[in-house]
Amino acid sequence: MSDRSLRRPWLAALLALLVTGLGHAYLRRWARALGWYLAVAAAVFLFVPDGTVTAAFSGNPPPVRDVAPAAAVVGASVIDAYVAAHRNNREYERERDAARAAGAPGASVGVDGDPDEASADATADAEADGTVRCPECGKETDPTVDFCQWCAEPLGGEGGS
């Protein structure tokens, strides 16, 4: 499976509302985060009068029609972050279901994508398939590397390459 995990759409939307691009950064969509940030900056620079920005920073509420272009871009960013989070979750579930159908080791994860929430039977099956558990944190690790990707502790000779 990929490094994709379940994300909270409401949190992505809230973060995008607080700071444009932050919701997309939460989703690890870096180019989109930068693009939305630059789009709002361009809308403010091109369409919002200079006096409006100065008045807003001095505490005077600006007229709605002056900030409407920037507010529209922020609104579009919030909606896009929410939709992107839902799309991410659907892709994650498809990958998880495909891995389970293929019988891939390590495909048994909990509700939120946390390996600690997997059932005990599935964990026992995974260990029988040759997976490695970190002696420090106990989580399932990649047997091709010699450190735990969860806690960064060295695995020693337990299954590292």
N, C-alpha and C. Protein backbone atom coordinates (compact mmCIF):
# COMPACT_ATOMS: atom_id res chain seq x y z
N MET A 1 0.84 -1.18 0.00
CA MET A 1 0.00 0.00 0.00
C MET A 1 0.88 1.24 0.00
N SER A 2 0.31 2.33 -0.41
CA SER A 2 1.06 3.59 -0.44
C SER A 2 1.10 4.19 0.95
N ASP A 3 1.70 5.36 1.06
CA ASP A 3 1.77 6.04 2.35
C ASP A 3 0.52 6.86 2.63
N ARG A 4 -0.51 6.65 1.85
CA ARG A 4 -1.78 7.36 2.03
C ARG A 4 -2.44 6.90 3.33
N SER A 5 -3.10 7.82 4.03
CA SER A 5 -3.84 7.47 5.23
C SER A 5 -5.15 8.25 5.26
N LEU A 6 -6.05 7.83 6.13
CA LEU A 6 -7.33 8.51 6.23
C LEU A 6 -7.13 9.92 6.79
N ARG A 7 -7.85 10.87 6.24
CA ARG A 7 -7.79 12.27 6.68
C ARG A 7 -9.19 12.73 7.04
N ARG A 8 -9.28 13.70 7.91
CA ARG A 8 -10.56 14.27 8.32
C ARG A 8 -10.91 15.44 7.40
N PRO A 9 -11.96 15.30 6.58
CA PRO A 9 -12.33 16.37 5.66
C PRO A 9 -12.69 17.68 6.37
N TRP A 10 -13.37 17.59 7.51
CA TRP A 10 -13.74 18.81 8.22
C TRP A 10 -12.52 19.55 8.72
N LEU A 11 -11.47 18.82 9.11
CA LEU A 11 -10.24 19.46 9.58
C LEU A 11 -9.50 20.12 8.42
N ALA A 12 -9.49 19.47 7.27
CA ALA A 12 -8.86 20.06 6.09
C ALA A 12 -9.57 21.36 5.71
N ALA A 13 -10.89 21.36 5.76
CA ALA A 13 -11.66 22.56 5.43
C ALA A 13 -11.41 23.67 6.45
N LEU A 14 -11.38 23.32 7.73
CA LEU A 14 -11.14 24.32 8.77
C LEU A 14 -9.75 24.93 8.64
N LEU A 15 -8.75 24.10 8.39
CA LEU A 15 -7.39 24.61 8.22
C LEU A 15 -7.29 25.51 6.99
N ALA A 16 -7.98 25.13 5.91
CA ALA A 16 -7.98 25.96 4.70
C ALA A 16 -8.68 27.29 4.95
N LEU A 17 -9.65 27.31 5.84
CA LEU A 17 -10.33 28.55 6.19
C LEU A 17 -9.44 29.45 7.04
N LEU A 18 -8.69 28.85 7.95
CA LEU A 18 -7.81 29.64 8.81
C LEU A 18 -6.65 30.26 8.04
N VAL A 19 -5.96 29.44 7.27
CA VAL A 19 -4.84 29.91 6.44
C VAL A 19 -4.96 29.19 5.11
N THR A 20 -5.13 29.95 4.06
CA THR A 20 -5.31 29.34 2.75
C THR A 20 -4.08 28.51 2.39
N GLY A 21 -4.32 27.27 2.01
CA GLY A 21 -3.25 26.34 1.66
C GLY A 21 -2.93 25.37 2.79
N LEU A 22 -3.28 25.72 4.02
CA LEU A 22 -2.96 24.85 5.14
C LEU A 22 -3.76 23.55 5.11
N GLY A 23 -4.99 23.60 4.66
CA GLY A 23 -5.79 22.38 4.53
C GLY A 23 -5.19 21.42 3.53
N HIS A 24 -4.66 21.95 2.45
CA HIS A 24 -4.02 21.10 1.44
C HIS A 24 -2.68 20.58 1.94
N ALA A 25 -1.99 21.37 2.75
CA ALA A 25 -0.74 20.90 3.35
C ALA A 25 -1.02 19.74 4.31
N TYR A 26 -2.13 19.83 5.05
CA TYR A 26 -2.55 18.73 5.92
C TYR A 26 -2.77 17.45 5.11
N LEU A 27 -3.26 17.61 3.90
CA LEU A 27 -3.49 16.46 3.02
C LEU A 27 -2.22 16.02 2.30
N ARG A 28 -1.13 16.74 2.53
CA ARG A 28 0.18 16.50 1.90
C ARG A 28 0.12 16.70 0.39
N ARG A 29 -0.66 17.66 -0.01
CA ARG A 29 -0.72 18.06 -1.41
C ARG A 29 -0.03 19.42 -1.50
N TRP A 30 1.28 19.37 -1.54
CA TRP A 30 2.12 20.56 -1.39
C TRP A 30 1.94 21.54 -2.53
N ALA A 31 1.90 21.06 -3.76
CA ALA A 31 1.76 21.96 -4.91
C ALA A 31 0.41 22.67 -4.87
N ARG A 32 -0.62 21.93 -4.51
CA ARG A 32 -1.95 22.54 -4.41
C ARG A 32 -2.00 23.58 -3.29
N ALA A 33 -1.35 23.29 -2.18
CA ALA A 33 -1.31 24.24 -1.06
C ALA A 33 -0.64 25.54 -1.50
N LEU A 34 0.48 25.42 -2.16
CA LEU A 34 1.17 26.61 -2.65
C LEU A 34 0.33 27.34 -3.70
N GLY A 35 -0.31 26.59 -4.58
CA GLY A 35 -1.15 27.19 -5.62
C GLY A 35 -2.31 27.99 -5.04
N TRP A 36 -2.99 27.44 -4.03
CA TRP A 36 -4.09 28.17 -3.42
C TRP A 36 -3.59 29.39 -2.66
N TYR A 37 -2.46 29.26 -1.99
CA TYR A 37 -1.90 30.42 -1.29
C TYR A 37 -1.57 31.54 -2.27
N LEU A 38 -0.94 31.17 -3.38
CA LEU A 38 -0.60 32.17 -4.40
C LEU A 38 -1.85 32.75 -5.06
N ALA A 39 -2.90 31.94 -5.22
CA ALA A 39 -4.14 32.44 -5.81
C ALA A 39 -4.80 33.49 -4.93
N VAL A 40 -4.81 33.27 -3.62
CA VAL A 40 -5.38 34.27 -2.71
C VAL A 40 -4.50 35.53 -2.69
N ALA A 41 -3.20 35.34 -2.67
CA ALA A 41 -2.31 36.50 -2.69
C ALA A 41 -2.51 37.31 -3.97
N ALA A 42 -2.67 36.63 -5.09
CA ALA A 42 -2.89 37.33 -6.36
C ALA A 42 -4.25 38.05 -6.35
N ALA A 43 -5.27 37.42 -5.80
CA ALA A 43 -6.59 38.06 -5.73
C ALA A 43 -6.54 39.31 -4.87
N VAL A 44 -5.83 39.24 -3.75
CA VAL A 44 -5.69 40.42 -2.89
C VAL A 44 -4.90 41.50 -3.62
N PHE A 45 -3.81 41.12 -4.25
CA PHE A 45 -2.95 42.09 -4.93
C PHE A 45 -3.65 42.74 -6.12
N LEU A 46 -4.40 41.96 -6.89
CA LEU A 46 -4.99 42.47 -8.12
C LEU A 46 -6.37 43.11 -7.93
N PHE A 47 -7.19 42.58 -7.02
CA PHE A 47 -8.59 43.00 -6.97
C PHE A 47 -9.01 43.76 -5.72
N VAL A 48 -8.23 43.66 -4.66
CA VAL A 48 -8.59 44.35 -3.42
C VAL A 48 -7.85 45.68 -3.37
N PRO A 49 -8.58 46.80 -3.19
CA PRO A 49 -7.93 48.11 -3.14
C PRO A 49 -6.95 48.21 -1.97
N ASP A 50 -5.87 48.99 -2.17
CA ASP A 50 -4.83 49.13 -1.16
C ASP A 50 -5.36 49.68 0.16
N GLY A 51 -6.26 50.62 0.09
CA GLY A 51 -6.83 51.20 1.30
C GLY A 51 -7.61 50.19 2.11
N THR A 52 -8.17 49.19 1.46
CA THR A 52 -8.95 48.16 2.15
C THR A 52 -8.04 47.32 3.03
N VAL A 53 -6.89 46.95 2.51
CA VAL A 53 -5.95 46.13 3.28
C VAL A 53 -5.44 46.93 4.47
N THR A 54 -5.10 48.19 4.25
CA THR A 54 -4.62 49.05 5.33
C THR A 54 -5.70 49.23 6.40
N ALA A 55 -6.93 49.46 5.97
CA ALA A 55 -8.04 49.63 6.91
C ALA A 55 -8.30 48.35 7.71
N ALA A 56 -8.18 47.21 7.06
CA ALA A 56 -8.41 45.94 7.75
C ALA A 56 -7.37 45.72 8.84
N PHE A 57 -6.11 46.07 8.56
CA PHE A 57 -5.06 45.89 9.56
C PHE A 57 -5.15 46.90 10.69
N SER A 58 -5.79 48.04 10.45
CA SER A 58 -5.93 49.04 11.51
C SER A 58 -7.17 48.79 12.38
N GLY A 59 -7.97 47.81 12.01
CA GLY A 59 -9.13 47.45 12.83
C GLY A 59 -10.46 47.91 12.28
N ASN A 60 -10.46 48.65 11.19
CA ASN A 60 -11.71 49.09 10.57
C ASN A 60 -12.21 48.01 9.61
N PRO A 61 -13.45 47.56 9.78
CA PRO A 61 -13.95 46.52 8.87
C PRO A 61 -14.12 47.08 7.46
N PRO A 62 -13.55 46.41 6.47
CA PRO A 62 -13.68 46.89 5.08
C PRO A 62 -15.05 46.55 4.52
N PRO A 63 -15.47 47.26 3.48
CA PRO A 63 -16.73 46.90 2.81
C PRO A 63 -16.63 45.51 2.18
N VAL A 64 -17.71 44.77 2.22
CA VAL A 64 -17.73 43.40 1.73
C VAL A 64 -17.37 43.34 0.25
N ARG A 65 -17.85 44.30 -0.53
CA ARG A 65 -17.59 44.26 -1.98
C ARG A 65 -16.09 44.42 -2.29
N ASP A 66 -15.34 45.05 -1.36
CA ASP A 66 -13.90 45.20 -1.59
C ASP A 66 -13.12 43.91 -1.36
N VAL A 67 -13.57 43.08 -0.42
CA VAL A 67 -12.86 41.84 -0.12
C VAL A 67 -13.50 40.62 -0.75
N ALA A 68 -14.59 40.81 -1.48
CA ALA A 68 -15.32 39.68 -2.08
C ALA A 68 -14.46 38.82 -3.00
N PRO A 69 -13.59 39.40 -3.86
CA PRO A 69 -12.78 38.52 -4.72
C PRO A 69 -11.86 37.58 -3.93
N ALA A 70 -11.21 38.12 -2.91
CA ALA A 70 -10.32 37.28 -2.11
C ALA A 70 -11.13 36.26 -1.30
N ALA A 71 -12.29 36.67 -0.79
CA ALA A 71 -13.14 35.75 -0.04
C ALA A 71 -13.65 34.62 -0.93
N ALA A 72 -13.92 34.91 -2.17
CA ALA A 72 -14.38 33.86 -3.10
C ALA A 72 -13.28 32.83 -3.35
N VAL A 73 -12.04 33.29 -3.47
CA VAL A 73 -10.93 32.35 -3.67
C VAL A 73 -10.71 31.52 -2.41
N VAL A 74 -10.82 32.14 -1.24
CA VAL A 74 -10.68 31.39 0.02
C VAL A 74 -11.80 30.35 0.11
N GLY A 75 -13.02 30.72 -0.22
CA GLY A 75 -14.13 29.77 -0.20
C GLY A 75 -13.91 28.59 -1.14
N ALA A 76 -13.40 28.89 -2.32
CA ALA A 76 -13.11 27.81 -3.27
C ALA A 76 -12.01 26.90 -2.73
N SER A 77 -11.03 27.47 -2.04
CA SER A 77 -9.96 26.67 -1.45
C SER A 77 -10.50 25.75 -0.36
N VAL A 78 -11.41 26.26 0.46
CA VAL A 78 -12.01 25.45 1.53
C VAL A 78 -12.79 24.28 0.93
N ILE A 79 -13.58 24.54 -0.08
CA ILE A 79 -14.35 23.48 -0.73
C ILE A 79 -13.42 22.46 -1.37
N ASP A 80 -12.36 22.93 -2.02
CA ASP A 80 -11.42 22.02 -2.67
C ASP A 80 -10.71 21.15 -1.64
N ALA A 81 -10.33 21.71 -0.49
CA ALA A 81 -9.66 20.91 0.55
C ALA A 81 -10.61 19.83 1.07
N TYR A 82 -11.86 20.17 1.27
CA TYR A 82 -12.85 19.21 1.75
C TYR A 82 -13.04 18.08 0.75
N VAL A 83 -13.21 18.43 -0.52
CA VAL A 83 -13.40 17.43 -1.57
C VAL A 83 -12.15 16.57 -1.74
N ALA A 84 -10.97 17.19 -1.68
CA ALA A 84 -9.72 16.45 -1.83
C ALA A 84 -9.54 15.45 -0.69
N ALA A 85 -9.95 15.82 0.52
CA ALA A 85 -9.86 14.88 1.65
C ALA A 85 -10.79 13.69 1.44
N HIS A 86 -12.00 13.94 0.97
CA HIS A 86 -12.92 12.83 0.67
C HIS A 86 -12.34 11.94 -0.42
N ARG A 87 -11.79 12.54 -1.44
CA ARG A 87 -11.20 11.77 -2.54
C ARG A 87 -10.02 10.93 -2.02
N ASN A 88 -9.20 11.52 -1.18
CA ASN A 88 -8.07 10.81 -0.58
C ASN A 88 -8.56 9.60 0.21
N ASN A 89 -9.63 9.77 0.98
CA ASN A 89 -10.16 8.67 1.79
C ASN A 89 -10.73 7.55 0.92
N ARG A 90 -11.39 7.92 -0.18
CA ARG A 90 -11.91 6.89 -1.09
C ARG A 90 -10.77 6.10 -1.71
N GLU A 91 -9.70 6.78 -2.14
CA GLU A 91 -8.56 6.09 -2.73
C GLU A 91 -7.87 5.19 -1.71
N TYR A 92 -7.77 5.68 -0.48
CA TYR A 92 -7.17 4.87 0.59
C TYR A 92 -7.98 3.59 0.79
N GLU A 93 -9.31 3.72 0.85
CA GLU A 93 -10.15 2.55 1.07
C GLU A 93 -10.07 1.57 -0.10
N ARG A 94 -9.97 2.10 -1.34
CA ARG A 94 -9.81 1.21 -2.49
C ARG A 94 -8.50 0.44 -2.40
N GLU A 95 -7.41 1.13 -2.05
CA GLU A 95 -6.11 0.47 -1.94
C GLU A 95 -6.13 -0.57 -0.82
N ARG A 96 -6.76 -0.23 0.30
CA ARG A 96 -6.85 -1.16 1.43
C ARG A 96 -7.65 -2.39 1.04
N ASP A 97 -8.78 -2.19 0.37
CA ASP A 97 -9.61 -3.32 -0.05
C ASP A 97 -8.89 -4.19 -1.08
N ALA A 98 -8.16 -3.56 -1.99
CA ALA A 98 -7.42 -4.32 -2.99
C ALA A 98 -6.31 -5.14 -2.33
N ALA A 99 -5.66 -4.55 -1.32
CA ALA A 99 -4.60 -5.28 -0.62
C ALA A 99 -5.17 -6.44 0.17
N ARG A 100 -6.33 -6.25 0.77
CA ARG A 100 -6.98 -7.34 1.51
C ARG A 100 -7.40 -8.45 0.57
N ALA A 101 -7.93 -8.07 -0.59
CA ALA A 101 -8.37 -9.07 -1.56
C ALA A 101 -7.19 -9.87 -2.10
N ALA A 102 -6.04 -9.21 -2.23
CA ALA A 102 -4.86 -9.89 -2.73
C ALA A 102 -4.17 -10.69 -1.64
N GLY A 103 -4.59 -10.49 -0.39
CA GLY A 103 -3.98 -11.22 0.71
C GLY A 103 -2.61 -10.70 1.07
N ALA A 104 -2.38 -9.42 0.84
CA ALA A 104 -1.08 -8.83 1.13
C ALA A 104 -0.83 -8.79 2.62
N PRO A 105 0.41 -9.13 3.04
CA PRO A 105 0.72 -9.01 4.47
C PRO A 105 0.70 -7.55 4.89
N GLY A 106 0.22 -7.31 6.09
CA GLY A 106 0.17 -5.94 6.58
C GLY A 106 -1.05 -5.18 6.12
N ALA A 107 -1.97 -5.85 5.40
CA ALA A 107 -3.16 -5.16 4.91
C ALA A 107 -4.23 -5.03 5.99
N SER A 108 -3.98 -5.64 7.11
CA SER A 108 -4.96 -5.57 8.19
C SER A 108 -4.64 -4.39 9.08
N VAL A 109 -5.38 -3.32 8.92
CA VAL A 109 -5.20 -2.13 9.73
C VAL A 109 -6.52 -1.77 10.36
N GLY A 110 -6.45 -0.92 11.37
CA GLY A 110 -7.65 -0.51 12.08
C GLY A 110 -8.47 0.48 11.30
N VAL A 111 -9.49 1.01 11.94
CA VAL A 111 -10.44 1.91 11.32
C VAL A 111 -9.78 3.18 10.80
N ASP A 112 -8.86 3.74 11.56
CA ASP A 112 -8.21 4.99 11.15
C ASP A 112 -6.88 4.76 10.48
N GLY A 113 -6.61 3.55 10.03
CA GLY A 113 -5.36 3.27 9.37
C GLY A 113 -4.23 2.99 10.35
N ASP A 114 -4.53 2.78 11.61
CA ASP A 114 -3.54 2.56 12.64
C ASP A 114 -3.29 1.06 12.77
N PRO A 115 -2.05 0.62 12.57
CA PRO A 115 -1.76 -0.81 12.68
C PRO A 115 -2.02 -1.36 14.07
N ASP A 116 -2.00 -0.52 15.11
CA ASP A 116 -2.23 -0.99 16.47
C ASP A 116 -3.66 -1.47 16.66
N GLU A 117 -4.60 -1.00 15.81
CA GLU A 117 -5.99 -1.36 15.96
C GLU A 117 -6.36 -2.64 15.20
N ALA A 118 -5.42 -3.28 14.58
CA ALA A 118 -5.70 -4.50 13.83
C ALA A 118 -6.07 -5.62 14.79
N SER A 119 -6.81 -6.58 14.31
CA SER A 119 -7.23 -7.68 15.17
C SER A 119 -6.03 -8.57 15.49
N ALA A 120 -6.14 -9.29 16.59
CA ALA A 120 -5.04 -10.14 17.02
C ALA A 120 -4.82 -11.29 16.03
N ASP A 121 -5.91 -11.83 15.46
CA ASP A 121 -5.76 -12.91 14.49
C ASP A 121 -5.01 -12.45 13.26
N ALA A 122 -5.33 -11.26 12.76
CA ALA A 122 -4.64 -10.76 11.58
C ALA A 122 -3.19 -10.48 11.89
N THR A 123 -2.88 -10.02 13.10
CA THR A 123 -1.50 -9.75 13.49
C THR A 123 -0.71 -11.05 13.53
N ALA A 124 -1.30 -12.08 14.07
CA ALA A 124 -0.62 -13.37 14.14
C ALA A 124 -0.36 -13.90 12.73
N ASP A 125 -1.32 -13.74 11.81
CA ASP A 125 -1.13 -14.16 10.43
C ASP A 125 0.00 -13.38 9.77
N ALA A 126 0.07 -12.08 10.05
CA ALA A 126 1.11 -11.26 9.43
C ALA A 126 2.48 -11.69 9.92
N GLU A 127 2.62 -12.00 11.22
CA GLU A 127 3.91 -12.43 11.73
C GLU A 127 4.30 -13.78 11.15
N ALA A 128 3.33 -14.63 10.87
CA ALA A 128 3.61 -15.91 10.26
C ALA A 128 4.09 -15.73 8.82
N ASP A 129 3.73 -14.62 8.20
CA ASP A 129 4.15 -14.35 6.84
C ASP A 129 5.55 -13.76 6.77
N GLY A 130 6.22 -13.55 7.90
CA GLY A 130 7.60 -13.06 7.88
C GLY A 130 7.73 -11.57 8.11
N THR A 131 6.71 -10.91 8.60
CA THR A 131 6.85 -9.49 8.90
C THR A 131 7.64 -9.32 10.19
N VAL A 132 8.13 -8.12 10.40
CA VAL A 132 8.98 -7.82 11.54
C VAL A 132 8.29 -6.79 12.42
N ARG A 133 8.36 -6.99 13.73
CA ARG A 133 7.83 -6.02 14.68
C ARG A 133 9.00 -5.35 15.38
N CYS A 134 8.85 -4.04 15.61
CA CYS A 134 9.89 -3.28 16.30
C CYS A 134 9.95 -3.70 17.76
N PRO A 135 11.14 -3.97 18.29
CA PRO A 135 11.22 -4.35 19.69
C PRO A 135 10.94 -3.17 20.63
N GLU A 136 11.09 -1.96 20.14
CA GLU A 136 10.89 -0.76 20.96
C GLU A 136 9.41 -0.38 21.06
N CYS A 137 8.75 -0.17 19.90
CA CYS A 137 7.36 0.31 19.92
C CYS A 137 6.34 -0.80 19.64
N GLY A 138 6.78 -1.94 19.11
CA GLY A 138 5.89 -3.05 18.87
C GLY A 138 5.11 -2.99 17.58
N LYS A 139 5.29 -1.94 16.78
CA LYS A 139 4.54 -1.82 15.53
C LYS A 139 5.22 -2.62 14.43
N GLU A 140 4.41 -2.98 13.43
CA GLU A 140 4.91 -3.72 12.29
C GLU A 140 5.81 -2.81 11.45
N THR A 141 6.96 -3.31 11.06
CA THR A 141 7.91 -2.51 10.29
C THR A 141 8.23 -3.17 8.96
N ASP A 142 8.86 -2.41 8.12
CA ASP A 142 9.28 -2.89 6.81
C ASP A 142 10.51 -3.77 6.98
N PRO A 143 10.46 -5.03 6.55
CA PRO A 143 11.61 -5.91 6.78
C PRO A 143 12.81 -5.59 5.88
N THR A 144 12.66 -4.70 4.90
CA THR A 144 13.77 -4.40 4.00
C THR A 144 14.68 -3.30 4.52
N VAL A 145 14.31 -2.64 5.61
CA VAL A 145 15.16 -1.60 6.19
C VAL A 145 15.60 -2.03 7.57
N ASP A 146 16.66 -1.43 8.08
CA ASP A 146 17.17 -1.84 9.38
C ASP A 146 16.85 -0.85 10.49
N PHE A 147 15.73 -0.13 10.34
CA PHE A 147 15.24 0.74 11.40
C PHE A 147 13.72 0.75 11.34
N CYS A 148 13.11 1.13 12.45
CA CYS A 148 11.65 1.19 12.52
C CYS A 148 11.18 2.52 11.93
N GLN A 149 10.27 2.48 10.96
CA GLN A 149 9.79 3.72 10.36
C GLN A 149 8.85 4.47 11.28
N TRP A 150 8.42 3.88 12.38
CA TRP A 150 7.51 4.53 13.32
C TRP A 150 8.27 5.28 14.40
N CYS A 151 9.29 4.66 14.98
CA CYS A 151 9.99 5.30 16.09
C CYS A 151 11.47 5.55 15.79
N ALA A 152 11.97 5.12 14.64
CA ALA A 152 13.34 5.35 14.16
C ALA A 152 14.39 4.60 14.98
N GLU A 153 13.98 3.61 15.74
CA GLU A 153 14.95 2.80 16.49
C GLU A 153 15.56 1.76 15.57
N PRO A 154 16.85 1.48 15.71
CA PRO A 154 17.46 0.43 14.88
C PRO A 154 16.88 -0.93 15.23
N LEU A 155 16.72 -1.76 14.21
CA LEU A 155 16.16 -3.09 14.41
C LEU A 155 17.24 -4.12 14.73
N GLY A 156 18.47 -3.78 14.52
CA GLY A 156 19.54 -4.73 14.78
C GLY A 156 19.51 -5.84 13.75
N GLY A 157 19.65 -7.08 14.17
CA GLY A 157 19.67 -8.20 13.25
C GLY A 157 18.32 -8.86 13.12
N GLU A 158 17.25 -8.20 13.54
CA GLU A 158 15.93 -8.84 13.55
C GLU A 158 15.23 -8.88 12.21
N GLY A 159 15.80 -8.44 11.16
CA GLY A 159 15.09 -8.50 9.90
C GLY A 159 15.47 -7.36 9.00
N GLY A 160 16.45 -6.59 9.44
CA GLY A 160 16.92 -5.54 8.56
C GLY A 160 17.74 -6.12 7.45
N SER A 161 18.01 -5.36 6.41
CA SER A 161 18.77 -5.89 5.27
C SER A 161 20.24 -5.77 5.47
